[in-house]
Each structure stands twice: as C-alpha cells, then as structure tokens.
Protein backbone atom coordinates (compact mmCIF):
# COMPACT_ATOMS: atom_id res chain seq x y z
CA MET A 1 3.43 -14.36 -11.96
CA ARG A 2 5.22 -12.16 -9.28
CA ILE A 3 8.38 -10.70 -10.44
CA ALA A 4 10.70 -9.20 -7.84
CA ASN A 5 14.13 -7.71 -7.03
CA LEU A 6 15.86 -9.56 -4.31
CA ALA A 7 19.10 -7.98 -3.18
CA GLY A 8 19.63 -6.59 -6.73
CA ARG A 9 18.82 -9.90 -8.48
CA LEU A 10 15.70 -10.84 -10.56
CA VAL A 11 13.58 -13.49 -8.99
CA LEU A 12 10.20 -15.02 -9.31
CA LEU A 13 8.12 -15.25 -6.13
CA ALA A 14 5.90 -18.26 -5.42
CA GLY A 15 4.58 -19.76 -2.26
CA GLY A 16 6.62 -17.51 -0.02
CA ARG A 17 9.84 -18.64 -1.78
CA ALA A 18 12.12 -17.07 -4.50
CA LEU A 19 13.56 -18.50 -7.67
CA ASP A 20 16.62 -16.90 -9.08
CA VAL A 21 15.83 -16.20 -12.70
CA GLU A 22 19.41 -16.37 -14.04
CA LYS A 23 20.12 -19.79 -12.44
CA ALA A 24 16.66 -21.21 -13.35
CA SER A 25 16.85 -20.02 -17.01
CA GLY A 26 20.37 -21.39 -17.46
CA GLY A 27 21.62 -17.73 -18.33
CA ARG A 28 18.99 -17.05 -20.82
CA PHE A 29 17.81 -14.13 -18.71
CA GLY A 30 20.32 -12.06 -16.76
CA PRO A 31 20.25 -11.21 -12.95
CA ASP A 32 19.42 -7.52 -13.45
CA PRO A 33 15.70 -6.79 -12.63
CA MET A 34 15.42 -4.56 -15.67
CA ALA A 35 16.19 -7.43 -18.04
CA ALA A 36 12.70 -8.83 -17.57
CA LEU A 37 11.26 -5.73 -19.07
CA GLU A 38 13.87 -5.16 -21.72
CA GLN A 39 13.06 -8.81 -23.02
CA TRP A 40 9.40 -8.84 -21.91
CA GLN A 41 7.98 -10.49 -25.05
CA ASP A 42 10.35 -13.60 -24.31
CA PHE A 43 10.48 -13.30 -20.56
CA HIS A 44 6.81 -13.35 -19.65
CA PRO A 45 6.04 -16.60 -21.52
CA TRP A 46 9.08 -18.34 -19.89
CA THR A 47 7.72 -17.51 -16.45
CA HIS A 48 4.82 -19.80 -17.11
CA THR A 49 7.19 -22.78 -17.77
CA ALA A 50 9.93 -22.06 -15.13
CA ASP A 51 10.60 -24.96 -12.72
CA LEU A 52 9.75 -23.49 -9.36
CA SER A 53 11.06 -26.51 -7.44
CA GLY A 54 14.45 -24.59 -7.13
CA ALA A 55 12.82 -21.75 -5.23
CA ALA A 56 14.21 -21.04 -1.81
CA ASP A 57 13.19 -19.17 1.41
CA PHE A 58 14.32 -15.60 1.46
CA ASP A 59 14.47 -12.51 3.75
CA PRO A 60 11.74 -10.13 2.70
CA SER A 61 13.71 -7.24 4.06
CA LEU A 62 16.02 -7.74 1.09
CA LEU A 63 13.42 -7.02 -1.52
CA GLY A 64 14.17 -3.94 -3.55
CA PRO A 65 11.99 -1.85 -6.05
CA PRO A 66 10.92 -4.33 -8.65
CA VAL A 67 11.61 -1.84 -11.48
CA PRO A 68 14.83 -0.02 -10.04
CA ARG A 69 15.83 2.19 -13.02
CA PRO A 70 12.73 3.14 -15.18
CA SER A 71 13.49 5.53 -18.01
CA GLN A 72 10.25 7.51 -17.15
CA ILE A 73 8.04 7.82 -14.18
CA PHE A 74 4.69 9.52 -14.83
CA ALA A 75 2.32 10.41 -11.89
CA VAL A 76 -1.10 11.57 -11.88
CA ALA A 77 -2.74 14.17 -9.53
CA LEU A 78 -6.27 14.35 -8.39
CA ASN A 79 -7.46 11.22 -10.11
CA TYR A 80 -10.10 10.25 -7.39
CA PRO A 81 -13.13 12.63 -7.02
CA PRO A 82 -13.02 12.63 -3.27
CA HIS A 83 -9.38 13.55 -3.22
CA ALA A 84 -9.89 16.34 -5.71
CA ALA A 85 -12.81 17.52 -3.38
CA GLU A 86 -10.66 17.42 -0.32
CA ALA A 87 -7.95 19.41 -2.04
CA GLY A 88 -10.57 21.97 -3.11
CA TYR A 89 -10.74 21.26 -6.84
CA GLU A 90 -13.25 20.07 -9.31
CA PRO A 91 -12.47 16.74 -10.96
CA PRO A 92 -10.00 17.51 -13.88
CA SER A 93 -11.11 17.01 -17.53
CA ASP A 94 -7.66 15.91 -18.49
CA PRO A 95 -4.99 14.05 -16.45
CA LEU A 96 -2.96 16.34 -14.33
CA VAL A 97 0.63 14.70 -14.90
CA PHE A 98 3.91 15.35 -13.17
CA THR A 99 7.02 13.13 -12.73
CA LYS A 100 8.95 11.53 -9.95
CA PHE A 101 12.56 10.95 -10.38
CA ALA A 102 14.07 7.35 -10.35
CA GLY A 103 16.38 8.14 -7.46
CA CYS A 104 13.38 8.24 -5.10
CA LEU A 105 12.59 4.56 -5.63
CA THR A 106 12.92 2.08 -2.79
CA GLY A 107 11.47 -1.35 -1.98
CA PRO A 108 8.64 -2.61 0.14
CA HIS A 109 10.26 -2.75 3.55
CA ALA A 110 11.97 0.61 3.58
CA THR A 111 13.07 3.04 6.39
CA VAL A 112 12.78 6.50 4.84
CA GLU A 113 14.44 9.53 6.28
CA LEU A 114 11.99 12.55 6.67
CA SER A 115 13.06 15.63 4.69
CA GLY A 116 11.26 17.96 6.99
CA ASP A 117 8.17 18.38 9.11
CA ARG A 118 5.53 18.23 6.28
CA VAL A 119 6.02 14.89 4.61
CA ASP A 120 2.68 13.32 3.54
CA TRP A 121 1.50 9.97 2.15
CA GLU A 122 -0.34 8.88 -0.97
CA VAL A 123 -0.94 5.32 -1.58
CA GLU A 124 -1.26 4.54 -5.33
CA LEU A 125 -1.64 1.85 -7.85
CA VAL A 126 1.60 1.72 -10.05
CA VAL A 127 1.42 0.50 -13.51
CA VAL A 128 4.51 -0.92 -15.21
CA ILE A 129 4.83 -0.83 -19.02
CA GLY A 130 6.03 -4.05 -20.69
CA ARG A 131 5.66 -3.28 -24.28
CA GLY A 132 6.43 0.24 -25.33
CA GLY A 133 4.50 2.36 -27.92
CA HIS A 134 3.53 5.71 -29.07
CA ARG A 135 -0.23 6.69 -29.61
CA ILE A 136 -1.40 3.43 -28.13
CA PRO A 137 -5.29 3.14 -28.71
CA LEU A 138 -7.48 2.92 -25.59
CA GLY A 139 -8.63 -0.57 -26.57
CA GLU A 140 -5.04 -1.78 -26.88
CA ALA A 141 -3.58 -0.38 -23.72
CA TRP A 142 -3.74 -3.39 -21.44
CA PRO A 143 -1.62 -5.58 -23.57
CA HIS A 144 1.24 -2.93 -23.32
CA ILE A 145 1.22 -3.33 -19.47
CA ALA A 146 3.53 -5.77 -17.93
CA GLY A 147 1.91 -5.74 -14.45
CA LEU A 148 0.95 -3.79 -11.36
CA MET A 149 2.58 -2.78 -8.10
CA VAL A 150 1.62 -1.00 -4.80
CA GLY A 151 3.23 2.47 -4.64
CA GLN A 152 3.64 5.37 -2.25
CA ASP A 153 4.00 8.87 -3.58
CA LEU A 154 5.51 10.34 -0.50
CA SER A 155 5.41 14.19 -0.74
CA ASP A 156 7.35 16.91 1.11
CA ARG A 157 4.39 19.49 0.92
CA HIS A 158 6.71 22.42 1.99
CA VAL A 159 9.00 21.83 -1.12
CA GLN A 160 6.07 20.96 -3.37
CA MET A 161 4.07 24.00 -2.60
CA ARG A 162 6.61 26.74 -1.87
CA GLY A 163 6.92 28.04 -5.34
CA THR A 164 4.71 30.53 -7.25
CA PRO A 165 3.40 28.58 -9.15
CA PRO A 166 4.22 25.42 -7.27
CA GLN A 167 6.12 22.62 -8.88
CA PHE A 168 5.50 19.04 -7.77
CA SER A 169 8.45 16.84 -8.96
CA LEU A 170 11.27 17.69 -6.53
CA GLY A 171 9.06 17.65 -3.52
CA LYS A 172 8.14 14.05 -4.40
CA SER A 173 11.59 12.77 -5.17
CA PHE A 174 13.67 12.76 -2.10
CA PRO A 175 15.53 9.42 -1.50
CA GLY A 176 13.00 6.94 -0.42
CA PHE A 177 9.87 8.90 -1.56
CA GLY A 178 8.84 6.22 -4.03
CA PRO A 179 8.36 2.90 -2.24
CA THR A 180 7.09 0.28 -4.66
CA GLY A 181 6.52 -3.47 -4.75
CA PRO A 182 6.46 -5.96 -3.13
CA ALA A 183 6.39 -7.45 -6.66
CA LEU A 184 5.47 -6.83 -10.14
CA VAL A 185 2.25 -8.80 -10.45
CA THR A 186 1.68 -9.67 -14.00
CA VAL A 187 -1.73 -8.72 -15.47
CA ASP A 188 -2.73 -12.23 -16.05
CA GLU A 189 -2.71 -12.90 -12.32
CA VAL A 190 -4.99 -9.91 -11.41
CA GLN A 191 -8.57 -10.99 -11.20
CA ASP A 192 -10.41 -7.72 -11.54
CA ARG A 193 -7.69 -5.30 -12.70
CA ASP A 194 -10.08 -2.31 -12.83
CA ASP A 195 -11.58 -2.93 -9.32
CA LEU A 196 -8.84 -3.24 -6.72
CA ALA A 197 -9.34 -2.30 -3.17
CA ILE A 198 -6.59 0.19 -2.18
CA SER A 199 -5.89 1.38 1.38
CA ALA A 200 -3.29 2.80 3.70
CA THR A 201 -2.84 2.64 7.44
CA LEU A 202 -0.74 4.90 9.75
CA ASN A 203 0.27 3.30 12.92
CA GLY A 204 -2.56 0.83 12.53
CA LYS A 205 -5.31 3.48 11.84
CA VAL A 206 -6.99 3.48 8.35
CA VAL A 207 -6.25 6.73 6.63
CA GLN A 208 -7.10 5.98 3.13
CA ARG A 209 -9.65 3.48 1.61
CA ALA A 210 -11.12 3.22 -1.96
CA SER A 211 -11.25 1.12 -5.02
CA THR A 212 -9.43 1.75 -8.20
CA LYS A 213 -12.74 1.64 -9.99
CA ASP A 214 -13.25 5.08 -8.57
CA MET A 215 -10.38 6.65 -10.72
CA ILE A 216 -11.53 9.46 -12.91
CA PHE A 217 -9.05 8.10 -15.65
CA SER A 218 -8.69 4.43 -15.75
CA VAL A 219 -5.39 2.59 -16.18
CA ALA A 220 -6.16 2.00 -19.91
CA ASP A 221 -7.19 5.65 -20.38
CA LEU A 222 -3.97 6.85 -18.74
CA VAL A 223 -1.82 4.78 -20.94
CA ALA A 224 -3.58 5.95 -23.99
CA ARG A 225 -3.40 9.52 -23.13
CA LEU A 226 0.17 9.46 -21.97
CA SER A 227 1.38 7.60 -25.01
CA ALA A 228 -0.50 9.98 -27.23
CA ILE A 229 2.33 12.46 -26.36
CA CYS A 230 5.20 10.60 -24.97
CA PRO A 231 6.45 7.27 -26.47
CA LEU A 232 6.31 4.79 -23.67
CA GLN A 233 9.29 2.36 -23.06
CA PRO A 234 9.49 -1.01 -21.28
CA GLY A 235 9.85 -0.53 -17.58
CA ASP A 236 8.22 2.97 -17.60
CA LEU A 237 6.11 3.54 -14.43
CA VAL A 238 2.82 5.28 -13.95
CA PHE A 239 1.60 6.24 -10.44
CA THR A 240 -2.10 6.45 -11.10
CA GLY A 241 -3.22 8.77 -8.26
CA THR A 242 -4.23 8.52 -4.77
CA PRO A 243 -7.55 8.36 -2.88
CA ALA A 244 -8.89 10.84 -0.31
CA GLY A 245 -7.30 10.73 3.12
CA VAL A 246 -3.91 12.51 2.76
CA GLY A 247 -2.57 14.15 5.86
CA ASN A 248 -2.23 17.76 4.69
CA ARG A 249 -5.99 17.83 4.12
CA MET A 250 -6.84 16.67 7.68
CA THR A 251 -8.04 19.07 10.36
CA PRO A 252 -5.51 19.73 11.81
CA PRO A 253 -3.00 18.51 9.20
CA ARG A 254 -1.21 15.29 10.19
CA TYR A 255 2.28 14.81 8.72
CA LEU A 256 4.66 11.94 9.07
CA THR A 257 6.91 11.89 12.13
CA SER A 258 9.85 9.67 13.27
CA GLY A 259 8.69 6.30 14.27
CA ASP A 260 5.56 6.23 12.20
CA VAL A 261 4.74 3.10 10.25
CA LEU A 262 2.83 3.36 7.07
CA ILE A 263 1.28 0.15 5.51
CA SER A 264 -0.03 0.58 1.96
CA THR A 265 -2.15 -2.26 0.50
CA ILE A 266 -3.77 -3.16 -2.82
CA ALA A 267 -5.90 -6.35 -2.87
CA GLY A 268 -4.31 -9.07 -4.91
CA ILE A 269 -1.07 -7.00 -5.38
CA GLY A 270 0.37 -6.89 -1.93
CA GLU A 271 1.60 -4.45 0.77
CA LEU A 272 4.38 -1.98 1.39
CA ARG A 273 5.60 -1.35 5.06
CA THR A 274 7.49 1.96 5.30
CA THR A 275 8.96 3.25 8.60
CA PHE A 276 10.17 6.83 9.05
CA ARG A 277 13.01 8.44 10.88
C-alpha cells in the first residue's frame, strides 16, 4: 500500500487516486499522517481491507512529506563504496551517522530556497520505522519497518564543512532540505527490497545512478546497529546514504542554482521533483 500526506491529511494512494483515511475508516483512524505510524499494528492490516471505491482524483502538488513529524531522523554518510572513494575515504567499518532535523522535511513536489552558492544533492532510500524497539536483532529488522520512501539529503557544503572539525547536521537542515515521498510504500509492496535502482537527474542529465544492493550497510544492518544504541520509535526515519555523483566531487564542482530541477527516483517507490530558487 502507498500511504501519503495530502494537504495535511492521511490518505491511501491507488490507481492515481487518493482515499481519505479518516472518512474511509469511519473515524477509526484520524486525519493526521502521523496517526498511521502511531497505530501501525492496527492500521497496516486495515489498509488491505479498505474500500478504495471512494478514492478521488487529487492534485499531486498538494502532497506533503508522508512522515511530517518524526521523533528521530538518522542519516548515514559514505554508505556506497564509489561515493566513499569520490570523497577520498576508505569504506567505513561502522556506519557514519549524523542527524537531520525535522524542520527540513518537505514533500515530493517542492520548491526549495537555496541557502547559498554551495548547495548539493544526495538521493537516498529512506526507511520508515513502523514498530519501535531497542537492540533489534539483524534477522528481525525488516518486520520493524513500515515502508520505504525516496529522499534527498540536500546539503549546504559551506555550512557543513566550515567548522574544525566539521559538523554535518545544521548544513543539512535548512527549510526544504529533506524532500521525501511521494508516499510511504509498505514493505509488502516492494518486490526486491534489497536491490532497488536509485538515480537522480539534474535538468534532465543523470548525475547519480546505482542500486541499493551496493550499500555497505544494508537496511536491516542499519536498523540493527542504530537500535543497538538508540531505541527506535514508530515514525523514525533513516536516510541510508547516497551513491556517487554528488556535485561537490565533480571537476569543477557543480552546485545547485536558481531554476535547477532535480528529479530523484527509486524503482518501485516513486520520484521526487524539486525545483530551486
């Protein structure tokens, strides 16, 4: 099932139409998009029985971030070997983890204001936790995952790298620097959850292309390693890392400018279309 945020209301998407969950469930589930995750053990089975005949046409520009207010956002650096290499590092032996702050989240059809002249792109698979837990075993990680989304870890490289030592989180958390969506796609709808084609185009030119099977730390591995330290909560997000092809590693570097259109795609999950000004 595809679960989305349409103008602030929880909906199911099917066949290009949207079903309002509060109305379809007779009030059993509320309109807040966070409600689906707070009640995941009841909500997910209900989606398989929902009467989709009441779905209606909708304006895709009204889609917001499917998970608008997560309690925690984890992000992983250098999780694809070619990206580690282009950045001048050996592949890490442990996940390199930072955070993005929830105020950066936006939807799949966003116009984002540039914070400066060194804003960069990073297409990523985003994991949404459905059932929380602490010290989740590797073999039990996937049942704790509600679904997957496309994400962009937009980064102001000047802010990110200006400190000694640098700190990542603020430079990656300007308003709009976390596009996500277009929907939360539940795990049971993903055909090959560990081998998803991931790509980004800038003004029609491919800048990133890989498969999630190339990640150093798999989705399950990340959930196990993160939960070994931090108890995970329903609705938590994990940005799982970006492939090679980011702008600041090009020769010469290429940063985002006003009018650029960035399309981020993951097979079977969907695409984000982000315009910059």
